[in-house]
Amino acid sequence: MGKRILLHVCCGPCSTSSVERLLSEGYEPVLFFSDSNIFPYEEFRKRYENLLIVAEHYNLEVILDDWDHEAWREAVKGHENDPEHGGRCSLCFHFNLERTAKKAEELGIDEFATTLTVSRFKKSESIFREGREFPGFREIDFKKKDGFNRSIILSKEFGLYRQNYCGCEFSRRDS
């Protein structure tokens, strides 16, 4: 296979077209499910289980990070009432990308990216701004090349659960 890249994955549906694209570009993605923002824990597990369906289809390795919702809550403290796309989201991106950068270093993988950019509801530039703080971050806008629509098609083909909120209790409240 090609060059390894650690791919931070927010959910199975967003991973579909992101993985497909990375494979087509000659990468060997290692999937990293690090999403302490997802609430409740049952939702975290459901999203992880759907990621396993995608990983099995493409025969890819999945690494499950600890669910540390309290650490995430501490990271976004004071921003609980921010609107979507506000300061809380930037802090959340930073939290997840920092954990991904540390895992990439631990594994000896030089590059990492995130599936968060496939969503039409996320501003890729906000994600890139946070990612630039970490060595090895690749600015890949997975919604380009029709990535979002492709993720919907693939999710249906794989029979994946598609959630209706980003993940945290605050986005759930506002959805």
N, C-alpha and C. Protein backbone atom coordinates (compact mmCIF):
# COMPACT_ATOMS: atom_id res chain seq x y z
N MET A 1 0.83 -1.20 0.00
CA MET A 1 0.00 0.00 0.00
C MET A 1 0.87 1.25 0.00
N GLY A 2 0.19 2.39 0.03
CA GLY A 2 0.89 3.67 -0.05
C GLY A 2 1.35 4.20 1.28
N LYS A 3 1.57 5.49 1.30
CA LYS A 3 2.04 6.19 2.50
C LYS A 3 0.93 6.21 3.55
N ARG A 4 1.30 5.91 4.78
CA ARG A 4 0.32 5.91 5.87
C ARG A 4 -0.04 7.34 6.26
N ILE A 5 -1.33 7.52 6.55
CA ILE A 5 -1.84 8.79 7.06
C ILE A 5 -2.84 8.44 8.16
N LEU A 6 -2.76 9.14 9.27
CA LEU A 6 -3.73 8.93 10.35
C LEU A 6 -4.93 9.82 10.06
N LEU A 7 -6.08 9.21 9.97
CA LEU A 7 -7.30 9.94 9.65
C LEU A 7 -8.19 10.00 10.88
N HIS A 8 -8.32 11.21 11.45
CA HIS A 8 -9.27 11.41 12.54
C HIS A 8 -10.67 11.28 11.94
N VAL A 9 -11.47 10.41 12.53
CA VAL A 9 -12.80 10.12 12.00
C VAL A 9 -13.86 10.52 13.01
N CYS A 10 -14.83 11.31 12.55
CA CYS A 10 -15.91 11.76 13.43
C CYS A 10 -17.09 10.79 13.43
N CYS A 11 -17.26 10.03 12.34
CA CYS A 11 -18.37 9.08 12.24
C CYS A 11 -18.19 8.24 10.98
N GLY A 12 -18.92 7.15 10.91
CA GLY A 12 -18.86 6.27 9.75
C GLY A 12 -19.22 6.97 8.44
N PRO A 13 -20.36 7.68 8.38
CA PRO A 13 -20.74 8.32 7.13
C PRO A 13 -19.69 9.28 6.58
N CYS A 14 -19.11 10.11 7.43
CA CYS A 14 -18.10 11.06 6.95
C CYS A 14 -16.81 10.35 6.53
N SER A 15 -16.57 9.17 7.08
CA SER A 15 -15.35 8.45 6.72
C SER A 15 -15.42 7.85 5.32
N THR A 16 -16.62 7.57 4.83
CA THR A 16 -16.76 6.81 3.58
C THR A 16 -16.04 7.46 2.41
N SER A 17 -16.45 8.66 2.05
CA SER A 17 -15.85 9.32 0.88
C SER A 17 -14.44 9.81 1.18
N SER A 18 -14.15 10.09 2.44
CA SER A 18 -12.79 10.52 2.81
C SER A 18 -11.81 9.38 2.60
N VAL A 19 -12.17 8.20 3.05
CA VAL A 19 -11.33 7.01 2.87
C VAL A 19 -11.19 6.70 1.38
N GLU A 20 -12.30 6.73 0.68
CA GLU A 20 -12.28 6.45 -0.76
C GLU A 20 -11.30 7.39 -1.48
N ARG A 21 -11.36 8.66 -1.13
CA ARG A 21 -10.47 9.64 -1.76
C ARG A 21 -9.00 9.38 -1.41
N LEU A 22 -8.72 9.16 -0.13
CA LEU A 22 -7.33 8.91 0.27
C LEU A 22 -6.77 7.67 -0.42
N LEU A 23 -7.56 6.62 -0.50
CA LEU A 23 -7.11 5.41 -1.19
C LEU A 23 -6.83 5.69 -2.66
N SER A 24 -7.70 6.48 -3.30
CA SER A 24 -7.51 6.80 -4.72
C SER A 24 -6.27 7.66 -4.95
N GLU A 25 -5.84 8.37 -3.90
CA GLU A 25 -4.64 9.21 -4.00
C GLU A 25 -3.39 8.46 -3.53
N GLY A 26 -3.52 7.17 -3.27
CA GLY A 26 -2.36 6.35 -2.94
C GLY A 26 -1.99 6.28 -1.47
N TYR A 27 -2.87 6.75 -0.61
CA TYR A 27 -2.60 6.69 0.83
C TYR A 27 -3.10 5.37 1.43
N GLU A 28 -2.54 5.05 2.57
CA GLU A 28 -3.02 3.95 3.40
C GLU A 28 -3.54 4.57 4.69
N PRO A 29 -4.84 4.86 4.75
CA PRO A 29 -5.36 5.50 5.96
C PRO A 29 -5.45 4.55 7.14
N VAL A 30 -5.04 5.06 8.29
CA VAL A 30 -5.26 4.39 9.58
C VAL A 30 -6.34 5.24 10.25
N LEU A 31 -7.45 4.62 10.60
CA LEU A 31 -8.61 5.36 11.11
C LEU A 31 -8.52 5.52 12.62
N PHE A 32 -8.67 6.77 13.07
CA PHE A 32 -8.55 7.09 14.49
C PHE A 32 -9.85 7.71 14.97
N PHE A 33 -10.58 6.96 15.78
CA PHE A 33 -11.84 7.44 16.32
C PHE A 33 -11.57 8.06 17.68
N SER A 34 -11.42 9.37 17.67
CA SER A 34 -11.11 10.14 18.88
C SER A 34 -12.12 11.27 18.97
N ASP A 35 -13.19 11.04 19.70
CA ASP A 35 -14.32 11.97 19.67
C ASP A 35 -14.98 12.08 21.03
N SER A 36 -14.24 12.61 21.98
CA SER A 36 -14.76 12.75 23.34
C SER A 36 -15.88 13.78 23.42
N ASN A 37 -16.07 14.54 22.35
CA ASN A 37 -17.16 15.51 22.30
C ASN A 37 -18.52 14.83 22.12
N ILE A 38 -18.54 13.64 21.57
CA ILE A 38 -19.81 12.99 21.25
C ILE A 38 -20.53 12.59 22.53
N PHE A 39 -21.81 12.93 22.57
CA PHE A 39 -22.63 12.72 23.76
C PHE A 39 -24.03 12.31 23.33
N PRO A 40 -24.64 11.39 24.02
CA PRO A 40 -24.15 10.62 25.16
C PRO A 40 -23.21 9.49 24.71
N TYR A 41 -22.73 8.72 25.67
CA TYR A 41 -21.79 7.64 25.36
C TYR A 41 -22.40 6.63 24.39
N GLU A 42 -23.69 6.38 24.49
CA GLU A 42 -24.35 5.44 23.58
C GLU A 42 -24.23 5.92 22.13
N GLU A 43 -24.29 7.22 21.93
CA GLU A 43 -24.11 7.80 20.59
C GLU A 43 -22.67 7.60 20.12
N PHE A 44 -21.73 7.79 21.01
CA PHE A 44 -20.32 7.56 20.71
C PHE A 44 -20.12 6.12 20.22
N ARG A 45 -20.69 5.16 20.95
CA ARG A 45 -20.56 3.74 20.58
C ARG A 45 -21.23 3.46 19.24
N LYS A 46 -22.40 4.03 19.01
CA LYS A 46 -23.12 3.80 17.76
C LYS A 46 -22.30 4.30 16.57
N ARG A 47 -21.71 5.47 16.72
CA ARG A 47 -20.89 6.02 15.63
C ARG A 47 -19.63 5.18 15.42
N TYR A 48 -19.05 4.71 16.50
CA TYR A 48 -17.87 3.85 16.39
C TYR A 48 -18.22 2.54 15.68
N GLU A 49 -19.33 1.93 16.06
CA GLU A 49 -19.74 0.67 15.43
C GLU A 49 -19.99 0.84 13.94
N ASN A 50 -20.52 1.98 13.54
CA ASN A 50 -20.73 2.24 12.12
C ASN A 50 -19.41 2.47 11.39
N LEU A 51 -18.44 3.05 12.08
CA LEU A 51 -17.11 3.19 11.49
C LEU A 51 -16.50 1.82 11.22
N LEU A 52 -16.73 0.88 12.11
CA LEU A 52 -16.19 -0.47 11.92
C LEU A 52 -16.71 -1.13 10.64
N ILE A 53 -17.94 -0.81 10.26
CA ILE A 53 -18.50 -1.32 9.01
C ILE A 53 -17.69 -0.81 7.83
N VAL A 54 -17.37 0.48 7.86
CA VAL A 54 -16.57 1.09 6.78
C VAL A 54 -15.17 0.49 6.77
N ALA A 55 -14.56 0.39 7.93
CA ALA A 55 -13.20 -0.15 8.03
C ALA A 55 -13.14 -1.58 7.50
N GLU A 56 -14.14 -2.37 7.82
CA GLU A 56 -14.16 -3.75 7.34
C GLU A 56 -14.28 -3.78 5.82
N HIS A 57 -15.12 -2.92 5.26
CA HIS A 57 -15.29 -2.87 3.80
C HIS A 57 -13.97 -2.59 3.10
N TYR A 58 -13.20 -1.65 3.63
CA TYR A 58 -11.94 -1.25 3.01
C TYR A 58 -10.72 -1.99 3.59
N ASN A 59 -10.96 -2.86 4.57
CA ASN A 59 -9.89 -3.61 5.23
C ASN A 59 -8.84 -2.67 5.84
N LEU A 60 -9.31 -1.75 6.68
CA LEU A 60 -8.44 -0.75 7.29
C LEU A 60 -8.39 -0.92 8.80
N GLU A 61 -7.26 -0.51 9.36
CA GLU A 61 -7.06 -0.54 10.80
C GLU A 61 -7.83 0.61 11.45
N VAL A 62 -8.45 0.32 12.60
CA VAL A 62 -9.15 1.34 13.38
C VAL A 62 -8.52 1.39 14.77
N ILE A 63 -8.25 2.60 15.23
CA ILE A 63 -7.76 2.80 16.59
C ILE A 63 -8.83 3.59 17.35
N LEU A 64 -9.25 3.05 18.46
CA LEU A 64 -10.26 3.68 19.30
C LEU A 64 -9.58 4.41 20.44
N ASP A 65 -9.78 5.72 20.51
CA ASP A 65 -9.26 6.52 21.61
C ASP A 65 -10.22 6.42 22.79
N ASP A 66 -9.73 6.73 23.97
CA ASP A 66 -10.58 6.77 25.15
C ASP A 66 -11.63 7.86 25.00
N TRP A 67 -12.84 7.59 25.49
CA TRP A 67 -13.88 8.60 25.52
C TRP A 67 -13.71 9.36 26.82
N ASP A 68 -13.25 10.60 26.72
CA ASP A 68 -12.97 11.42 27.91
C ASP A 68 -13.80 12.70 27.82
N HIS A 69 -15.10 12.53 28.01
CA HIS A 69 -16.02 13.65 27.86
C HIS A 69 -15.76 14.76 28.87
N GLU A 70 -15.30 14.39 30.06
CA GLU A 70 -15.01 15.41 31.07
C GLU A 70 -13.85 16.31 30.63
N ALA A 71 -12.82 15.73 30.04
CA ALA A 71 -11.70 16.53 29.53
C ALA A 71 -12.16 17.44 28.40
N TRP A 72 -13.03 16.93 27.55
CA TRP A 72 -13.57 17.75 26.47
C TRP A 72 -14.41 18.90 27.04
N ARG A 73 -15.26 18.60 28.03
CA ARG A 73 -16.08 19.64 28.66
C ARG A 73 -15.19 20.73 29.26
N GLU A 74 -14.08 20.33 29.85
CA GLU A 74 -13.13 21.30 30.42
C GLU A 74 -12.52 22.15 29.31
N ALA A 75 -12.24 21.55 28.16
CA ALA A 75 -11.63 22.27 27.04
C ALA A 75 -12.56 23.33 26.45
N VAL A 76 -13.86 23.11 26.53
CA VAL A 76 -14.82 24.06 25.95
C VAL A 76 -15.53 24.89 27.02
N LYS A 77 -15.08 24.76 28.26
CA LYS A 77 -15.71 25.46 29.39
C LYS A 77 -15.82 26.95 29.11
N GLY A 78 -17.00 27.49 29.42
CA GLY A 78 -17.25 28.91 29.19
C GLY A 78 -17.85 29.19 27.82
N HIS A 79 -17.92 28.16 26.97
CA HIS A 79 -18.44 28.33 25.61
C HIS A 79 -19.67 27.45 25.36
N GLU A 80 -20.28 27.01 26.44
CA GLU A 80 -21.43 26.10 26.31
C GLU A 80 -22.58 26.72 25.53
N ASN A 81 -22.72 28.03 25.60
CA ASN A 81 -23.84 28.69 24.93
C ASN A 81 -23.47 29.34 23.61
N ASP A 82 -22.24 29.11 23.15
CA ASP A 82 -21.84 29.63 21.84
C ASP A 82 -22.70 28.99 20.75
N PRO A 83 -22.96 29.74 19.68
CA PRO A 83 -23.71 29.15 18.56
C PRO A 83 -22.82 28.16 17.79
N GLU A 84 -23.44 27.30 17.01
CA GLU A 84 -22.67 26.43 16.13
C GLU A 84 -21.79 27.29 15.24
N HIS A 85 -20.60 26.83 14.94
CA HIS A 85 -19.57 27.53 14.16
C HIS A 85 -18.88 28.62 14.98
N GLY A 86 -19.14 28.67 16.27
CA GLY A 86 -18.53 29.69 17.12
C GLY A 86 -17.27 29.19 17.81
N GLY A 87 -16.93 29.85 18.90
CA GLY A 87 -15.71 29.53 19.63
C GLY A 87 -15.66 28.12 20.17
N ARG A 88 -16.80 27.59 20.60
CA ARG A 88 -16.82 26.23 21.13
C ARG A 88 -16.38 25.23 20.07
N CYS A 89 -16.84 25.42 18.84
CA CYS A 89 -16.47 24.49 17.76
C CYS A 89 -14.97 24.55 17.49
N SER A 90 -14.40 25.74 17.50
CA SER A 90 -12.95 25.86 17.28
C SER A 90 -12.18 25.15 18.38
N LEU A 91 -12.62 25.30 19.62
CA LEU A 91 -11.97 24.61 20.74
C LEU A 91 -12.11 23.09 20.61
N CYS A 92 -13.26 22.66 20.14
CA CYS A 92 -13.50 21.24 19.94
C CYS A 92 -12.59 20.69 18.84
N PHE A 93 -12.49 21.41 17.72
CA PHE A 93 -11.58 20.98 16.65
C PHE A 93 -10.17 20.85 17.20
N HIS A 94 -9.76 21.86 17.96
CA HIS A 94 -8.41 21.87 18.52
C HIS A 94 -8.19 20.64 19.42
N PHE A 95 -9.16 20.38 20.27
CA PHE A 95 -9.08 19.24 21.20
C PHE A 95 -8.89 17.93 20.43
N ASN A 96 -9.73 17.68 19.44
CA ASN A 96 -9.66 16.43 18.68
C ASN A 96 -8.41 16.34 17.82
N LEU A 97 -8.00 17.45 17.22
CA LEU A 97 -6.81 17.42 16.36
C LEU A 97 -5.53 17.28 17.19
N GLU A 98 -5.52 17.86 18.38
CA GLU A 98 -4.36 17.70 19.25
C GLU A 98 -4.18 16.23 19.64
N ARG A 99 -5.27 15.57 19.97
CA ARG A 99 -5.19 14.14 20.32
C ARG A 99 -4.74 13.32 19.11
N THR A 100 -5.19 13.73 17.93
CA THR A 100 -4.80 13.02 16.71
C THR A 100 -3.33 13.23 16.42
N ALA A 101 -2.85 14.45 16.58
CA ALA A 101 -1.42 14.75 16.35
C ALA A 101 -0.55 13.92 17.29
N LYS A 102 -0.96 13.83 18.55
CA LYS A 102 -0.20 13.03 19.52
C LYS A 102 -0.19 11.55 19.14
N LYS A 103 -1.33 11.05 18.68
CA LYS A 103 -1.41 9.65 18.29
C LYS A 103 -0.55 9.39 17.05
N ALA A 104 -0.57 10.31 16.10
CA ALA A 104 0.26 10.16 14.89
C ALA A 104 1.73 10.08 15.27
N GLU A 105 2.15 10.96 16.17
CA GLU A 105 3.55 10.96 16.62
C GLU A 105 3.88 9.64 17.32
N GLU A 106 2.99 9.21 18.19
CA GLU A 106 3.18 7.95 18.93
C GLU A 106 3.33 6.76 17.97
N LEU A 107 2.58 6.79 16.86
CA LEU A 107 2.60 5.69 15.90
C LEU A 107 3.69 5.83 14.84
N GLY A 108 4.36 6.99 14.83
CA GLY A 108 5.38 7.22 13.81
C GLY A 108 4.79 7.50 12.44
N ILE A 109 3.58 8.05 12.41
CA ILE A 109 2.92 8.41 11.15
C ILE A 109 3.13 9.91 10.95
N ASP A 110 3.69 10.27 9.80
CA ASP A 110 4.10 11.65 9.55
C ASP A 110 2.96 12.62 9.28
N GLU A 111 1.84 12.13 8.74
CA GLU A 111 0.76 13.03 8.35
C GLU A 111 -0.56 12.59 8.97
N PHE A 112 -1.43 13.58 9.18
CA PHE A 112 -2.78 13.26 9.63
C PHE A 112 -3.76 14.28 9.05
N ALA A 113 -5.01 13.86 8.97
CA ALA A 113 -6.08 14.70 8.44
C ALA A 113 -7.34 14.35 9.22
N THR A 114 -8.45 15.03 8.90
CA THR A 114 -9.70 14.78 9.60
C THR A 114 -10.87 14.72 8.63
N THR A 115 -11.82 13.86 8.94
CA THR A 115 -13.04 13.75 8.14
C THR A 115 -14.01 14.90 8.42
N LEU A 116 -13.73 15.70 9.42
CA LEU A 116 -14.64 16.81 9.75
C LEU A 116 -14.90 17.72 8.56
N THR A 117 -13.95 17.78 7.63
CA THR A 117 -14.10 18.69 6.49
C THR A 117 -15.06 18.18 5.43
N VAL A 118 -15.56 16.97 5.54
CA VAL A 118 -16.49 16.47 4.52
C VAL A 118 -17.89 17.07 4.71
N SER A 119 -18.21 17.47 5.91
CA SER A 119 -19.55 17.97 6.21
C SER A 119 -19.80 19.34 5.59
N ARG A 120 -20.96 19.47 4.98
CA ARG A 120 -21.34 20.78 4.44
C ARG A 120 -21.72 21.74 5.57
N PHE A 121 -21.83 21.22 6.77
CA PHE A 121 -22.18 22.04 7.93
C PHE A 121 -20.96 22.58 8.67
N LYS A 122 -19.78 22.16 8.25
CA LYS A 122 -18.54 22.61 8.90
C LYS A 122 -17.73 23.48 7.94
N LYS A 123 -17.16 24.55 8.48
CA LYS A 123 -16.31 25.44 7.69
C LYS A 123 -14.89 24.89 7.72
N SER A 124 -14.43 24.41 6.58
CA SER A 124 -13.11 23.78 6.52
C SER A 124 -12.01 24.72 6.98
N GLU A 125 -12.11 25.99 6.65
CA GLU A 125 -11.06 26.93 7.04
C GLU A 125 -10.92 27.01 8.56
N SER A 126 -12.02 26.91 9.30
CA SER A 126 -11.96 26.91 10.77
C SER A 126 -11.22 25.68 11.28
N ILE A 127 -11.44 24.56 10.63
CA ILE A 127 -10.75 23.32 11.00
C ILE A 127 -9.27 23.44 10.66
N PHE A 128 -8.98 23.96 9.46
CA PHE A 128 -7.58 24.12 9.03
C PHE A 128 -6.82 25.04 9.97
N ARG A 129 -7.47 26.12 10.41
CA ARG A 129 -6.82 27.07 11.31
C ARG A 129 -6.34 26.37 12.59
N GLU A 130 -7.16 25.50 13.12
CA GLU A 130 -6.76 24.75 14.32
C GLU A 130 -5.69 23.71 13.99
N GLY A 131 -5.84 23.04 12.87
CA GLY A 131 -4.90 21.99 12.49
C GLY A 131 -3.50 22.48 12.21
N ARG A 132 -3.39 23.71 11.73
CA ARG A 132 -2.08 24.28 11.40
C ARG A 132 -1.16 24.37 12.61
N GLU A 133 -1.71 24.27 13.79
CA GLU A 133 -0.90 24.35 15.01
C GLU A 133 -0.11 23.07 15.27
N PHE A 134 -0.38 22.03 14.48
CA PHE A 134 0.23 20.73 14.75
C PHE A 134 1.04 20.25 13.55
N PRO A 135 2.28 19.82 13.79
CA PRO A 135 3.10 19.30 12.69
C PRO A 135 2.44 18.08 12.04
N GLY A 136 2.51 18.03 10.74
CA GLY A 136 1.99 16.88 10.01
C GLY A 136 0.55 16.99 9.59
N PHE A 137 -0.14 18.07 9.98
CA PHE A 137 -1.54 18.21 9.61
C PHE A 137 -1.66 18.50 8.12
N ARG A 138 -2.49 17.73 7.45
CA ARG A 138 -2.76 17.91 6.02
C ARG A 138 -4.10 18.61 5.85
N GLU A 139 -4.09 19.71 5.13
CA GLU A 139 -5.33 20.45 4.87
C GLU A 139 -6.03 19.84 3.66
N ILE A 140 -6.87 18.87 3.93
CA ILE A 140 -7.63 18.22 2.87
C ILE A 140 -9.10 18.56 3.09
N ASP A 141 -9.69 19.24 2.13
CA ASP A 141 -11.11 19.58 2.21
C ASP A 141 -11.88 18.45 1.54
N PHE A 142 -12.34 17.51 2.33
CA PHE A 142 -12.99 16.32 1.80
C PHE A 142 -14.36 16.60 1.20
N LYS A 143 -14.93 17.79 1.43
CA LYS A 143 -16.21 18.08 0.80
C LYS A 143 -16.03 18.43 -0.68
N LYS A 144 -14.79 18.80 -1.05
CA LYS A 144 -14.51 19.07 -2.46
C LYS A 144 -14.56 17.76 -3.24
N LYS A 145 -14.62 17.87 -4.54
CA LYS A 145 -14.75 16.68 -5.42
C LYS A 145 -16.02 15.92 -5.07
N ASP A 146 -17.07 16.68 -4.69
CA ASP A 146 -18.39 16.13 -4.38
C ASP A 146 -18.36 15.15 -3.20
N GLY A 147 -17.44 15.37 -2.27
CA GLY A 147 -17.26 14.45 -1.15
C GLY A 147 -18.48 14.27 -0.26
N PHE A 148 -19.19 15.37 0.01
CA PHE A 148 -20.35 15.25 0.89
C PHE A 148 -21.43 14.38 0.25
N ASN A 149 -21.76 14.68 -1.01
CA ASN A 149 -22.79 13.89 -1.70
C ASN A 149 -22.36 12.43 -1.84
N ARG A 150 -21.09 12.22 -2.12
CA ARG A 150 -20.58 10.85 -2.24
C ARG A 150 -20.71 10.12 -0.90
N SER A 151 -20.50 10.83 0.21
CA SER A 151 -20.62 10.20 1.53
C SER A 151 -22.06 9.74 1.78
N ILE A 152 -23.03 10.50 1.29
CA ILE A 152 -24.44 10.11 1.45
C ILE A 152 -24.72 8.83 0.66
N ILE A 153 -24.24 8.79 -0.57
CA ILE A 153 -24.45 7.61 -1.42
C ILE A 153 -23.81 6.37 -0.78
N LEU A 154 -22.56 6.50 -0.37
CA LEU A 154 -21.86 5.36 0.22
C LEU A 154 -22.48 4.93 1.55
N SER A 155 -22.93 5.89 2.34
CA SER A 155 -23.57 5.57 3.61
C SER A 155 -24.82 4.73 3.39
N LYS A 156 -25.59 5.07 2.37
CA LYS A 156 -26.79 4.29 2.04
C LYS A 156 -26.40 2.89 1.57
N GLU A 157 -25.37 2.81 0.73
CA GLU A 157 -24.90 1.50 0.25
C GLU A 157 -24.46 0.60 1.40
N PHE A 158 -23.78 1.18 2.40
CA PHE A 158 -23.28 0.41 3.54
C PHE A 158 -24.33 0.23 4.64
N GLY A 159 -25.48 0.90 4.51
CA GLY A 159 -26.52 0.81 5.53
C GLY A 159 -26.14 1.47 6.84
N LEU A 160 -25.43 2.60 6.75
CA LEU A 160 -24.93 3.27 7.95
C LEU A 160 -25.98 4.16 8.60
N TYR A 161 -25.88 4.28 9.89
CA TYR A 161 -26.66 5.23 10.68
C TYR A 161 -26.12 6.63 10.41
N ARG A 162 -27.02 7.55 10.05
CA ARG A 162 -26.63 8.95 9.82
C ARG A 162 -27.28 9.80 10.91
N GLN A 163 -26.46 10.37 11.75
CA GLN A 163 -26.95 11.18 12.86
C GLN A 163 -27.43 12.55 12.35
N ASN A 164 -28.20 13.24 13.20
CA ASN A 164 -28.72 14.55 12.80
C ASN A 164 -28.14 15.70 13.63
N TYR A 165 -27.02 15.45 14.29
CA TYR A 165 -26.32 16.52 15.01
C TYR A 165 -24.84 16.20 15.03
N CYS A 166 -24.03 17.25 15.24
CA CYS A 166 -22.58 17.11 15.16
C CYS A 166 -22.04 16.09 16.15
N GLY A 167 -22.50 16.16 17.37
CA GLY A 167 -22.02 15.19 18.34
C GLY A 167 -22.16 15.60 19.79
N CYS A 168 -21.86 16.85 20.10
CA CYS A 168 -21.90 17.26 21.51
C CYS A 168 -23.33 17.56 21.94
N GLU A 169 -23.50 17.61 23.24
CA GLU A 169 -24.83 17.88 23.77
C GLU A 169 -25.35 19.25 23.38
N PHE A 170 -24.44 20.18 23.08
CA PHE A 170 -24.86 21.54 22.72
C PHE A 170 -25.37 21.57 21.28
N SER A 171 -24.72 20.85 20.38
CA SER A 171 -25.21 20.79 19.00
C SER A 171 -26.50 19.96 18.95
N ARG A 172 -26.61 18.98 19.82
CA ARG A 172 -27.84 18.18 19.89
C ARG A 172 -29.00 19.05 20.35
N ARG A 173 -28.73 19.89 21.32
CA ARG A 173 -29.75 20.81 21.85
C ARG A 173 -30.24 21.75 20.76
N ASP A 174 -29.32 22.17 19.88
CA ASP A 174 -29.65 23.16 18.86
C ASP A 174 -30.12 22.56 17.54
N SER A 175 -30.13 21.22 17.44
CA SER A 175 -30.51 20.60 16.16
C SER A 175 -32.01 20.46 16.01
